[in-house]
Amino acid sequence: MDASVSPVFWILAAVIILSAIAVVSLKNIFHCALFLILCLFSVAGIFILLHAEFLAAAQVLIYVGAVAILIIFAIMLTTNLASRTIQQVNKHALTALFGCALFVLAMVGLFRQSGVWNWTQTALPDENVLTIGKLLMTKYMLPFEVVSVLLLAALIGAIALAREEKS
């Protein structure tokens, strides 16, 4: 990878930043969910620029295709969506702004401390997805299975909480 960055990267980065700001600043929760989907699609675009097609596909399938759509369904199935009782107001905006400024200062300090970043010209393996699959089924099998059991437990818990009790 050369030192110059593609203009497509800057466009995707701007879309990510603007849509993320829209997610946390808009009052309409449905619009926030739509901007979240746009942000997640843009992150998948960054993965494609990095030649990580598997991660881009996983990003779209898991986060956009499952999580974001689940959020939209939950919003649409909420009975009080049209009422005025749902207000998305942050009463701690000044505290959040201070926390964000502190985080930005910490990141700038870490980037300055890290020094020069060495870009390598190492080519990716031709069978990138095969390599990831082999690693998931050998070296990282235990964490992969633990995450799957955790997700299953979360799903069962969500079903138990959402189920209506019969009188």
C-alpha atoms as a PDB file:
ATOM      1  CA  MET A   1       0.000   0.000   0.000  1.00  0.00           C
ATOM      2  CA  ASP A   2       1.450   3.355  -0.937  1.00  0.00           C
ATOM      3  CA  ALA A   3       1.469   6.488   1.189  1.00  0.00           C
ATOM      4  CA  SER A   4      -1.379   8.126  -0.724  1.00  0.00           C
ATOM      5  CA  VAL A   5      -4.905   7.300   0.365  1.00  0.00           C
ATOM      6  CA  SER A   6      -7.689   6.693  -2.103  1.00  0.00           C
ATOM      7  CA  PRO A   7     -10.344   9.410  -2.438  1.00  0.00           C
ATOM      8  CA  VAL A   8     -12.935   6.657  -1.983  1.00  0.00           C
ATOM      9  CA  PHE A   9     -11.546   6.122   1.520  1.00  0.00           C
ATOM     10  CA  TRP A  10     -12.074   9.790   2.376  1.00  0.00           C
ATOM     11  CA  ILE A  11     -15.627   9.689   1.019  1.00  0.00           C
ATOM     12  CA  LEU A  12     -16.423   6.568   3.043  1.00  0.00           C
ATOM     13  CA  ALA A  13     -14.760   8.037   6.144  1.00  0.00           C
ATOM     14  CA  ALA A  14     -16.839  11.208   5.802  1.00  0.00           C
ATOM     15  CA  VAL A  15     -20.022   9.154   5.375  1.00  0.00           C
ATOM     16  CA  ILE A  16     -19.128   7.096   8.469  1.00  0.00           C
ATOM     17  CA  ILE A  17     -18.481  10.171  10.598  1.00  0.00           C
ATOM     18  CA  LEU A  18     -21.561  12.090   9.421  1.00  0.00           C
ATOM     19  CA  SER A  19     -23.892   9.117   9.748  1.00  0.00           C
ATOM     20  CA  ALA A  20     -22.501   8.293  13.212  1.00  0.00           C
ATOM     21  CA  ILE A  21     -23.139  11.876  14.291  1.00  0.00           C
ATOM     22  CA  ALA A  22     -26.669  11.585  12.900  1.00  0.00           C
ATOM     23  CA  VAL A  23     -27.220   8.347  14.861  1.00  0.00           C
ATOM     24  CA  VAL A  24     -26.505  10.016  18.184  1.00  0.00           C
ATOM     25  CA  SER A  25     -27.983  13.439  17.479  1.00  0.00           C
ATOM     26  CA  LEU A  26     -31.311  12.922  15.690  1.00  0.00           C
ATOM     27  CA  LYS A  27     -34.531  12.931  17.718  1.00  0.00           C
ATOM     28  CA  ASN A  28     -36.401  10.358  15.586  1.00  0.00           C
ATOM     29  CA  ILE A  29     -35.254   6.882  16.616  1.00  0.00           C
ATOM     30  CA  PHE A  30     -36.262   5.344  13.282  1.00  0.00           C
ATOM     31  CA  HIS A  31     -34.054   7.809  11.400  1.00  0.00           C
ATOM     32  CA  CYS A  32     -31.232   6.986  13.824  1.00  0.00           C
ATOM     33  CA  ALA A  33     -31.564   3.303  12.903  1.00  0.00           C
ATOM     34  CA  LEU A  34     -31.452   4.124   9.180  1.00  0.00           C
ATOM     35  CA  PHE A  35     -28.288   6.178   9.632  1.00  0.00           C
ATOM     36  CA  LEU A  36     -26.803   3.295  11.624  1.00  0.00           C
ATOM     37  CA  ILE A  37     -27.358   1.042   8.611  1.00  0.00           C
ATOM     38  CA  LEU A  38     -25.646   3.615   6.366  1.00  0.00           C
ATOM     39  CA  CYS A  39     -22.700   3.771   8.782  1.00  0.00           C
ATOM     40  CA  LEU A  40     -22.366  -0.028   8.861  1.00  0.00           C
ATOM     41  CA  PHE A  41     -22.492  -0.249   5.058  1.00  0.00           C
ATOM     42  CA  SER A  42     -19.736   2.355   4.840  1.00  0.00           C
ATOM     43  CA  VAL A  43     -17.572   0.349   7.233  1.00  0.00           C
ATOM     44  CA  ALA A  44     -18.046  -2.628   4.901  1.00  0.00           C
ATOM     45  CA  GLY A  45     -16.804  -0.371   2.086  1.00  0.00           C
ATOM     46  CA  ILE A  46     -13.642   0.345   4.081  1.00  0.00           C
ATOM     47  CA  PHE A  47     -13.130  -3.406   4.489  1.00  0.00           C
ATOM     48  CA  ILE A  48     -13.407  -3.833   0.718  1.00  0.00           C
ATOM     49  CA  LEU A  49     -10.779  -1.124   0.204  1.00  0.00           C
ATOM     50  CA  LEU A  50      -8.508  -3.107   2.526  1.00  0.00           C
ATOM     51  CA  HIS A  51      -9.070  -6.247   0.405  1.00  0.00           C
ATOM     52  CA  ALA A  52     -10.833  -7.944   3.324  1.00  0.00           C
ATOM     53  CA  GLU A  53     -13.840  -9.190   1.398  1.00  0.00           C
ATOM     54  CA  PHE A  54     -14.757 -11.783   4.019  1.00  0.00           C
ATOM     55  CA  LEU A  55     -14.979  -9.130   6.733  1.00  0.00           C
ATOM     56  CA  ALA A  56     -17.031  -6.899   4.428  1.00  0.00           C
ATOM     57  CA  ALA A  57     -19.468  -9.737   3.740  1.00  0.00           C
ATOM     58  CA  ALA A  58     -19.674 -10.577   7.449  1.00  0.00           C
ATOM     59  CA  GLN A  59     -20.256  -6.890   8.237  1.00  0.00           C
ATOM     60  CA  VAL A  60     -23.160  -6.697   5.811  1.00  0.00           C
ATOM     61  CA  LEU A  61     -24.676 -10.077   6.709  1.00  0.00           C
ATOM     62  CA  ILE A  62     -24.343  -9.877  10.480  1.00  0.00           C
ATOM     63  CA  TYR A  63     -24.565  -6.211  11.365  1.00  0.00           C
ATOM     64  CA  VAL A  64     -26.679  -4.776   8.562  1.00  0.00           C
ATOM     65  CA  GLY A  65     -28.647  -7.884   7.707  1.00  0.00           C
ATOM     66  CA  ALA A  66     -29.347  -9.062  11.218  1.00  0.00           C
ATOM     67  CA  VAL A  67     -28.644  -6.575  13.982  1.00  0.00           C
ATOM     68  CA  ALA A  68     -29.793  -3.363  12.288  1.00  0.00           C
ATOM     69  CA  ILE A  69     -32.890  -4.980  10.803  1.00  0.00           C
ATOM     70  CA  LEU A  70     -33.713  -6.426  14.228  1.00  0.00           C
ATOM     71  CA  ILE A  71     -33.422  -2.926  15.678  1.00  0.00           C
ATOM     72  CA  ILE A  72     -35.775  -1.581  13.004  1.00  0.00           C
ATOM     73  CA  PHE A  73     -38.290  -4.368  13.678  1.00  0.00           C
ATOM     74  CA  ALA A  74     -38.123  -3.623  17.404  1.00  0.00           C
ATOM     75  CA  ILE A  75     -38.745   0.057  16.722  1.00  0.00           C
ATOM     76  CA  MET A  76     -41.639  -0.675  14.385  1.00  0.00           C
ATOM     77  CA  LEU A  77     -43.244  -3.147  16.796  1.00  0.00           C
ATOM     78  CA  THR A  78     -43.078  -0.735  19.697  1.00  0.00           C
ATOM     79  CA  THR A  79     -46.613   0.310  20.491  1.00  0.00           C
ATOM     80  CA  ASN A  80     -45.784   3.864  21.554  1.00  0.00           C
ATOM     81  CA  LEU A  81     -43.735   4.756  18.473  1.00  0.00           C
ATOM     82  CA  ALA A  82     -46.226   7.344  17.243  1.00  0.00           C
ATOM     83  CA  SER A  83     -46.903   8.872  20.654  1.00  0.00           C
ATOM     84  CA  ARG A  84     -45.116  11.878  22.042  1.00  0.00           C
ATOM     85  CA  THR A  85     -43.970   9.976  25.140  1.00  0.00           C
ATOM     86  CA  ILE A  86     -40.786   8.692  23.462  1.00  0.00           C
ATOM     87  CA  GLN A  87     -38.217  11.435  23.670  1.00  0.00           C
ATOM     88  CA  GLN A  88     -34.599  10.958  22.864  1.00  0.00           C
ATOM     89  CA  VAL A  89     -32.998  13.711  24.902  1.00  0.00           C
ATOM     90  CA  ASN A  90     -29.534  13.734  26.378  1.00  0.00           C
ATOM     91  CA  LYS A  91     -29.473  15.634  29.635  1.00  0.00           C
ATOM     92  CA  HIS A  92     -25.738  15.106  30.018  1.00  0.00           C
ATOM     93  CA  ALA A  93     -24.546  16.690  26.779  1.00  0.00           C
ATOM     94  CA  LEU A  94     -21.847  18.746  28.494  1.00  0.00           C
ATOM     95  CA  THR A  95     -20.471  15.693  30.284  1.00  0.00           C
ATOM     96  CA  ALA A  96     -20.511  13.716  27.036  1.00  0.00           C
ATOM     97  CA  LEU A  97     -18.719  16.542  25.220  1.00  0.00           C
ATOM     98  CA  PHE A  98     -16.045  16.606  27.930  1.00  0.00           C
ATOM     99  CA  GLY A  99     -15.654  12.819  27.701  1.00  0.00           C
ATOM    100  CA  CYS A 100     -15.344  12.987  23.904  1.00  0.00           C
ATOM    101  CA  ALA A 101     -12.724  15.730  24.117  1.00  0.00           C
ATOM    102  CA  LEU A 102     -10.772  13.669  26.644  1.00  0.00           C
ATOM    103  CA  PHE A 103     -10.968  10.630  24.344  1.00  0.00           C
ATOM    104  CA  VAL A 104      -9.750  12.637  21.325  1.00  0.00           C
ATOM    105  CA  LEU A 105      -6.823  14.008  23.329  1.00  0.00           C
ATOM    106  CA  ALA A 106      -5.901  10.495  24.460  1.00  0.00           C
ATOM    107  CA  MET A 107      -6.024   9.200  20.872  1.00  0.00           C
ATOM    108  CA  VAL A 108      -3.887  12.075  19.584  1.00  0.00           C
ATOM    109  CA  GLY A 109      -1.376  11.375  22.356  1.00  0.00           C
ATOM    110  CA  LEU A 110      -1.273   7.677  21.470  1.00  0.00           C
ATOM    111  CA  PHE A 111      -0.790   8.405  17.768  1.00  0.00           C
ATOM    112  CA  ARG A 112       2.054  10.808  18.516  1.00  0.00           C
ATOM    113  CA  GLN A 113       3.661   8.330  20.891  1.00  0.00           C
ATOM    114  CA  SER A 114       3.461   5.458  18.415  1.00  0.00           C
ATOM    115  CA  GLY A 115       5.923   7.154  16.085  1.00  0.00           C
ATOM    116  CA  VAL A 116       6.277   6.309  12.407  1.00  0.00           C
ATOM    117  CA  TRP A 117       3.964   3.692  10.992  1.00  0.00           C
ATOM    118  CA  ASN A 118       5.697   1.291   8.662  1.00  0.00           C
ATOM    119  CA  TRP A 119       3.627   0.343   5.641  1.00  0.00           C
ATOM    120  CA  THR A 120       4.418  -3.074   4.282  1.00  0.00           C
ATOM    121  CA  GLN A 121       3.976  -4.389   0.792  1.00  0.00           C
ATOM    122  CA  THR A 122       3.133  -7.903   1.998  1.00  0.00           C
ATOM    123  CA  ALA A 123       0.587  -9.498  -0.301  1.00  0.00           C
ATOM    124  CA  LEU A 124      -2.499 -11.091   1.151  1.00  0.00           C
ATOM    125  CA  PRO A 125      -2.870 -14.834   0.704  1.00  0.00           C
ATOM    126  CA  ASP A 126      -4.803 -15.870  -2.385  1.00  0.00           C
ATOM    127  CA  GLU A 127      -7.149 -17.980  -0.308  1.00  0.00           C
ATOM    128  CA  ASN A 128      -7.977 -15.360   2.317  1.00  0.00           C
ATOM    129  CA  VAL A 129     -11.369 -16.807   3.289  1.00  0.00           C
ATOM    130  CA  LEU A 130      -9.956 -20.333   3.459  1.00  0.00           C
ATOM    131  CA  THR A 131      -7.225 -19.137   5.825  1.00  0.00           C
ATOM    132  CA  ILE A 132      -9.764 -17.419   8.092  1.00  0.00           C
ATOM    133  CA  GLY A 133     -11.956 -20.530   8.061  1.00  0.00           C
ATOM    134  CA  LYS A 134      -9.050 -22.788   8.991  1.00  0.00           C
ATOM    135  CA  LEU A 135      -8.043 -20.472  11.847  1.00  0.00           C
ATOM    136  CA  LEU A 136     -11.629 -20.354  13.156  1.00  0.00           C
ATOM    137  CA  MET A 137     -11.862 -24.145  13.149  1.00  0.00           C
ATOM    138  CA  THR A 138      -8.395 -24.820  14.635  1.00  0.00           C
ATOM    139  CA  LYS A 139      -6.589 -22.138  16.641  1.00  0.00           C
ATOM    140  CA  TYR A 140      -9.635 -20.016  17.536  1.00  0.00           C
ATOM    141  CA  MET A 141     -12.243 -22.779  17.862  1.00  0.00           C
ATOM    142  CA  LEU A 142     -12.817 -22.380  21.609  1.00  0.00           C
ATOM    143  CA  PRO A 143     -13.466 -18.591  21.494  1.00  0.00           C
ATOM    144  CA  PHE A 144     -15.671 -19.107  18.408  1.00  0.00           C
ATOM    145  CA  GLU A 145     -17.799 -21.698  20.227  1.00  0.00           C
ATOM    146  CA  VAL A 146     -17.944 -19.629  23.434  1.00  0.00           C
ATOM    147  CA  VAL A 147     -19.281 -16.664  21.466  1.00  0.00           C
ATOM    148  CA  SER A 148     -21.870 -18.864  19.760  1.00  0.00           C
ATOM    149  CA  VAL A 149     -23.093 -20.225  23.127  1.00  0.00           C
ATOM    150  CA  LEU A 150     -23.189 -16.676  24.524  1.00  0.00           C
ATOM    151  CA  LEU A 151     -25.265 -15.488  21.573  1.00  0.00           C
ATOM    152  CA  LEU A 152     -27.616 -18.455  21.980  1.00  0.00           C
ATOM    153  CA  ALA A 153     -28.053 -17.642  25.691  1.00  0.00           C
ATOM    154  CA  ALA A 154     -28.759 -14.001  24.828  1.00  0.00           C
ATOM    155  CA  LEU A 155     -31.349 -15.084  22.264  1.00  0.00           C
ATOM    156  CA  ILE A 156     -33.087 -17.397  24.758  1.00  0.00           C
ATOM    157  CA  GLY A 157     -33.030 -14.621  27.374  1.00  0.00           C
ATOM    158  CA  ALA A 158     -34.519 -12.124  24.925  1.00  0.00           C
ATOM    159  CA  ILE A 159     -37.297 -14.562  24.025  1.00  0.00           C
ATOM    160  CA  ALA A 160     -38.019 -15.204  27.698  1.00  0.00           C
ATOM    161  CA  LEU A 161     -38.198 -11.479  28.445  1.00  0.00           C
ATOM    162  CA  ALA A 162     -40.335 -10.654  25.412  1.00  0.00           C
ATOM    163  CA  ARG A 163     -42.816 -13.481  25.951  1.00  0.00           C
ATOM    164  CA  GLU A 164     -46.130 -12.348  27.310  1.00  0.00           C
ATOM    165  CA  GLU A 165     -47.184 -13.948  30.537  1.00  0.00           C
ATOM    166  CA  LYS A 166     -50.534 -15.696  30.389  1.00  0.00           C
ATOM    167  CA  SER A 167     -52.971 -14.802  33.139  1.00  0.00           C
END
